[in-house]
């Protein structure tokens, strides 16, 4: 098996794990936001932005794109493995 196919497969698995982690973290933090107080919600989002580098919506979006890109990379590495 070629070196790049193996690297592609490893990167696909790592990206898939990170994508699921970011999706779960974004949803978990998003559902724990205080929705009854808009000021507290704004402060919590600002805290998440400082601490994690993204708001909860951005975390979910990054996780989804990473998950989708990893699935595509995994499919391509499987195709390359068979040829």
N, C-alpha and C. Protein backbone atom coordinates (compact mmCIF):
# COMPACT_ATOMS: atom_id res chain seq x y z
N UNK A 1 0.85 -1.18 0.00
CA UNK A 1 0.00 0.00 0.00
C UNK A 1 0.89 1.24 0.00
N UNK A 2 0.46 2.23 -0.72
CA UNK A 2 1.27 3.44 -0.86
C UNK A 2 1.27 4.26 0.43
N UNK A 3 2.32 5.01 0.57
CA UNK A 3 2.52 5.84 1.76
C UNK A 3 1.42 6.89 1.91
N UNK A 4 1.04 7.53 0.81
CA UNK A 4 0.06 8.61 0.86
C UNK A 4 -1.35 8.09 1.14
N UNK A 5 -1.63 6.88 0.71
CA UNK A 5 -2.93 6.28 1.01
C UNK A 5 -3.05 6.04 2.50
N UNK A 6 -1.99 5.57 3.11
CA UNK A 6 -1.99 5.32 4.55
C UNK A 6 -2.12 6.63 5.33
N UNK A 7 -1.41 7.67 4.90
CA UNK A 7 -1.51 8.97 5.55
C UNK A 7 -2.92 9.54 5.39
N UNK A 8 -3.50 9.39 4.20
CA UNK A 8 -4.87 9.86 3.98
C UNK A 8 -5.87 9.16 4.87
N UNK A 9 -5.68 7.88 5.08
CA UNK A 9 -6.57 7.12 5.95
C UNK A 9 -6.43 7.57 7.41
N UNK A 10 -5.20 7.77 7.85
CA UNK A 10 -4.97 8.23 9.23
C UNK A 10 -5.55 9.63 9.43
N UNK A 11 -5.33 10.51 8.47
CA UNK A 11 -5.87 11.87 8.57
C UNK A 11 -7.40 11.86 8.55
N UNK A 12 -7.98 10.96 7.79
CA UNK A 12 -9.44 10.86 7.76
C UNK A 12 -9.98 10.45 9.12
N UNK A 13 -9.34 9.48 9.76
CA UNK A 13 -9.80 9.05 11.08
C UNK A 13 -9.60 10.14 12.13
N UNK A 14 -8.46 10.82 12.08
CA UNK A 14 -8.22 11.92 13.03
C UNK A 14 -9.22 13.06 12.82
N UNK A 15 -9.45 13.41 11.57
CA UNK A 15 -10.41 14.47 11.26
C UNK A 15 -11.82 14.09 11.67
N UNK A 16 -12.17 12.83 11.48
CA UNK A 16 -13.49 12.36 11.88
C UNK A 16 -13.66 12.46 13.39
N UNK A 17 -12.65 12.06 14.14
CA UNK A 17 -12.73 12.14 15.61
C UNK A 17 -12.80 13.60 16.06
N UNK A 18 -11.99 14.46 15.48
CA UNK A 18 -12.03 15.88 15.85
C UNK A 18 -13.34 16.54 15.44
N UNK A 19 -13.86 16.16 14.29
CA UNK A 19 -15.13 16.71 13.84
C UNK A 19 -16.27 16.34 14.77
N UNK A 20 -16.31 15.09 15.20
CA UNK A 20 -17.34 14.66 16.15
C UNK A 20 -17.15 15.37 17.49
N UNK A 21 -15.90 15.55 17.90
CA UNK A 21 -15.62 16.26 19.15
C UNK A 21 -16.11 17.71 19.09
N UNK A 22 -15.78 18.41 17.99
CA UNK A 22 -16.21 19.80 17.84
C UNK A 22 -17.73 19.90 17.75
N UNK A 23 -18.37 18.98 17.03
CA UNK A 23 -19.82 19.00 16.95
C UNK A 23 -20.45 18.80 18.33
N UNK A 24 -19.97 17.79 19.04
CA UNK A 24 -20.50 17.53 20.38
C UNK A 24 -20.26 18.68 21.33
N UNK A 25 -19.08 19.24 21.29
CA UNK A 25 -18.76 20.36 22.18
C UNK A 25 -19.59 21.59 21.85
N UNK A 26 -19.77 21.87 20.57
CA UNK A 26 -20.58 23.02 20.17
C UNK A 26 -22.03 22.87 20.59
N UNK A 27 -22.59 21.68 20.38
CA UNK A 27 -23.98 21.46 20.79
C UNK A 27 -24.12 21.46 22.31
N UNK A 28 -23.17 20.82 23.00
CA UNK A 28 -23.26 20.77 24.47
C UNK A 28 -23.17 22.17 25.07
N UNK A 29 -22.19 22.96 24.61
CA UNK A 29 -22.07 24.32 25.13
C UNK A 29 -23.23 25.20 24.68
N UNK A 30 -23.74 24.95 23.48
CA UNK A 30 -24.87 25.73 23.00
C UNK A 30 -26.14 25.47 23.79
N UNK A 31 -26.37 24.22 24.16
CA UNK A 31 -27.56 23.90 24.94
C UNK A 31 -27.42 24.32 26.40
N UNK A 32 -26.20 24.58 26.85
CA UNK A 32 -26.01 25.01 28.24
C UNK A 32 -26.00 26.53 28.38
N UNK A 33 -26.24 27.26 27.28
CA UNK A 33 -26.28 28.72 27.35
C UNK A 33 -27.53 29.18 28.11
N UNK A 34 -27.40 30.26 28.86
CA UNK A 34 -28.58 30.80 29.55
C UNK A 34 -29.46 31.57 28.57
N UNK A 35 -30.53 30.94 28.10
CA UNK A 35 -31.36 31.55 27.07
C UNK A 35 -32.37 32.56 27.63
N UNK A 36 -32.59 32.58 28.92
CA UNK A 36 -33.58 33.49 29.49
C UNK A 36 -33.04 34.90 29.67
N UNK A 37 -31.72 35.07 29.70
CA UNK A 37 -31.12 36.38 29.91
C UNK A 37 -30.19 36.70 28.73
N UNK A 38 -30.59 37.65 27.87
CA UNK A 38 -29.75 37.95 26.69
C UNK A 38 -28.36 38.47 27.05
N UNK A 39 -28.24 39.23 28.13
CA UNK A 39 -26.93 39.76 28.53
C UNK A 39 -26.00 38.63 28.97
N UNK A 40 -26.53 37.70 29.75
CA UNK A 40 -25.72 36.56 30.20
C UNK A 40 -25.34 35.67 29.01
N UNK A 41 -26.24 35.54 28.05
CA UNK A 41 -25.95 34.74 26.87
C UNK A 41 -24.83 35.38 26.05
N UNK A 42 -24.85 36.69 25.91
CA UNK A 42 -23.80 37.40 25.18
C UNK A 42 -22.46 37.26 25.89
N UNK A 43 -22.48 37.36 27.22
CA UNK A 43 -21.24 37.19 27.98
C UNK A 43 -20.70 35.77 27.87
N UNK A 44 -21.59 34.78 27.88
CA UNK A 44 -21.15 33.39 27.76
C UNK A 44 -20.55 33.14 26.37
N UNK A 45 -21.18 33.68 25.33
CA UNK A 45 -20.64 33.50 23.97
C UNK A 45 -19.28 34.18 23.84
N UNK A 46 -19.13 35.36 24.45
CA UNK A 46 -17.83 36.06 24.42
C UNK A 46 -16.77 35.26 25.16
N UNK A 47 -17.16 34.63 26.28
CA UNK A 47 -16.23 33.78 27.02
C UNK A 47 -15.80 32.58 26.19
N UNK A 48 -16.75 31.93 25.51
CA UNK A 48 -16.42 30.78 24.65
C UNK A 48 -15.51 31.21 23.50
N UNK A 49 -15.77 32.42 22.98
CA UNK A 49 -14.93 32.92 21.90
C UNK A 49 -13.50 33.16 22.36
N UNK A 50 -13.34 33.70 23.56
CA UNK A 50 -11.98 33.90 24.10
C UNK A 50 -11.32 32.59 24.46
N UNK A 51 -12.06 31.69 25.09
CA UNK A 51 -11.45 30.46 25.59
C UNK A 51 -11.20 29.43 24.49
N UNK A 52 -12.20 29.22 23.62
CA UNK A 52 -12.10 28.17 22.61
C UNK A 52 -11.81 28.70 21.21
N UNK A 53 -11.82 30.00 21.04
CA UNK A 53 -11.54 30.58 19.74
C UNK A 53 -12.72 30.60 18.80
N UNK A 54 -13.90 30.29 19.30
CA UNK A 54 -15.09 30.29 18.45
C UNK A 54 -16.34 30.32 19.32
N UNK A 55 -17.41 30.85 18.76
CA UNK A 55 -18.70 30.76 19.44
C UNK A 55 -19.25 29.35 19.23
N UNK A 56 -20.37 29.06 19.86
CA UNK A 56 -20.92 27.70 19.75
C UNK A 56 -21.35 27.39 18.32
N UNK A 57 -21.91 28.37 17.63
CA UNK A 57 -22.30 28.14 16.24
C UNK A 57 -21.10 27.89 15.34
N UNK A 58 -20.03 28.61 15.58
CA UNK A 58 -18.81 28.39 14.79
C UNK A 58 -18.19 27.03 15.09
N UNK A 59 -18.29 26.58 16.35
CA UNK A 59 -17.78 25.25 16.69
C UNK A 59 -18.55 24.17 15.95
N UNK A 60 -19.86 24.31 15.91
CA UNK A 60 -20.68 23.32 15.20
C UNK A 60 -20.36 23.34 13.71
N UNK A 61 -20.21 24.53 13.15
CA UNK A 61 -19.90 24.65 11.73
C UNK A 61 -18.54 24.04 11.41
N UNK A 62 -17.54 24.33 12.22
CA UNK A 62 -16.20 23.74 12.01
C UNK A 62 -16.25 22.22 12.12
N UNK A 63 -16.97 21.74 13.13
CA UNK A 63 -17.08 20.30 13.32
C UNK A 63 -17.76 19.62 12.16
N UNK A 64 -18.82 20.25 11.63
CA UNK A 64 -19.52 19.66 10.49
C UNK A 64 -18.63 19.63 9.26
N UNK A 65 -17.92 20.72 8.98
CA UNK A 65 -17.03 20.75 7.82
C UNK A 65 -15.88 19.77 7.97
N UNK A 66 -15.34 19.66 9.16
CA UNK A 66 -14.26 18.71 9.40
C UNK A 66 -14.76 17.27 9.25
N UNK A 67 -15.93 16.99 9.77
CA UNK A 67 -16.54 15.68 9.63
C UNK A 67 -16.77 15.34 8.16
N UNK A 68 -17.37 16.27 7.43
CA UNK A 68 -17.66 16.05 6.01
C UNK A 68 -16.38 15.88 5.20
N UNK A 69 -15.38 16.72 5.43
CA UNK A 69 -14.11 16.59 4.72
C UNK A 69 -13.40 15.28 5.04
N UNK A 70 -13.52 14.82 6.27
CA UNK A 70 -12.88 13.55 6.64
C UNK A 70 -13.56 12.37 5.98
N UNK A 71 -14.88 12.43 5.88
CA UNK A 71 -15.59 11.35 5.18
C UNK A 71 -15.17 11.31 3.72
N UNK A 72 -15.06 12.46 3.09
CA UNK A 72 -14.63 12.52 1.69
C UNK A 72 -13.21 12.01 1.54
N UNK A 73 -12.31 12.42 2.44
CA UNK A 73 -10.93 11.94 2.39
C UNK A 73 -10.86 10.43 2.62
N UNK A 74 -11.67 9.92 3.53
CA UNK A 74 -11.71 8.49 3.77
C UNK A 74 -12.19 7.71 2.55
N UNK A 75 -13.22 8.23 1.88
CA UNK A 75 -13.71 7.58 0.65
C UNK A 75 -12.63 7.59 -0.43
N UNK A 76 -11.96 8.72 -0.58
CA UNK A 76 -10.91 8.79 -1.59
C UNK A 76 -9.72 7.87 -1.27
N UNK A 77 -9.39 7.74 0.00
CA UNK A 77 -8.28 6.83 0.34
C UNK A 77 -8.68 5.37 0.14
N UNK A 78 -9.97 5.05 0.34
CA UNK A 78 -10.42 3.69 0.07
C UNK A 78 -10.41 3.39 -1.44
N UNK A 79 -10.78 4.38 -2.23
CA UNK A 79 -10.73 4.22 -3.68
C UNK A 79 -9.28 4.02 -4.13
N UNK A 80 -8.37 4.81 -3.58
CA UNK A 80 -6.96 4.68 -3.96
C UNK A 80 -6.36 3.36 -3.49
N UNK A 81 -6.85 2.84 -2.39
CA UNK A 81 -6.34 1.56 -1.87
C UNK A 81 -6.72 0.41 -2.80
N UNK A 82 -7.88 0.49 -3.43
CA UNK A 82 -8.36 -0.60 -4.28
C UNK A 82 -7.74 -0.60 -5.67
N UNK A 83 -7.17 0.52 -6.08
CA UNK A 83 -6.60 0.56 -7.43
C UNK A 83 -5.13 0.26 -7.42
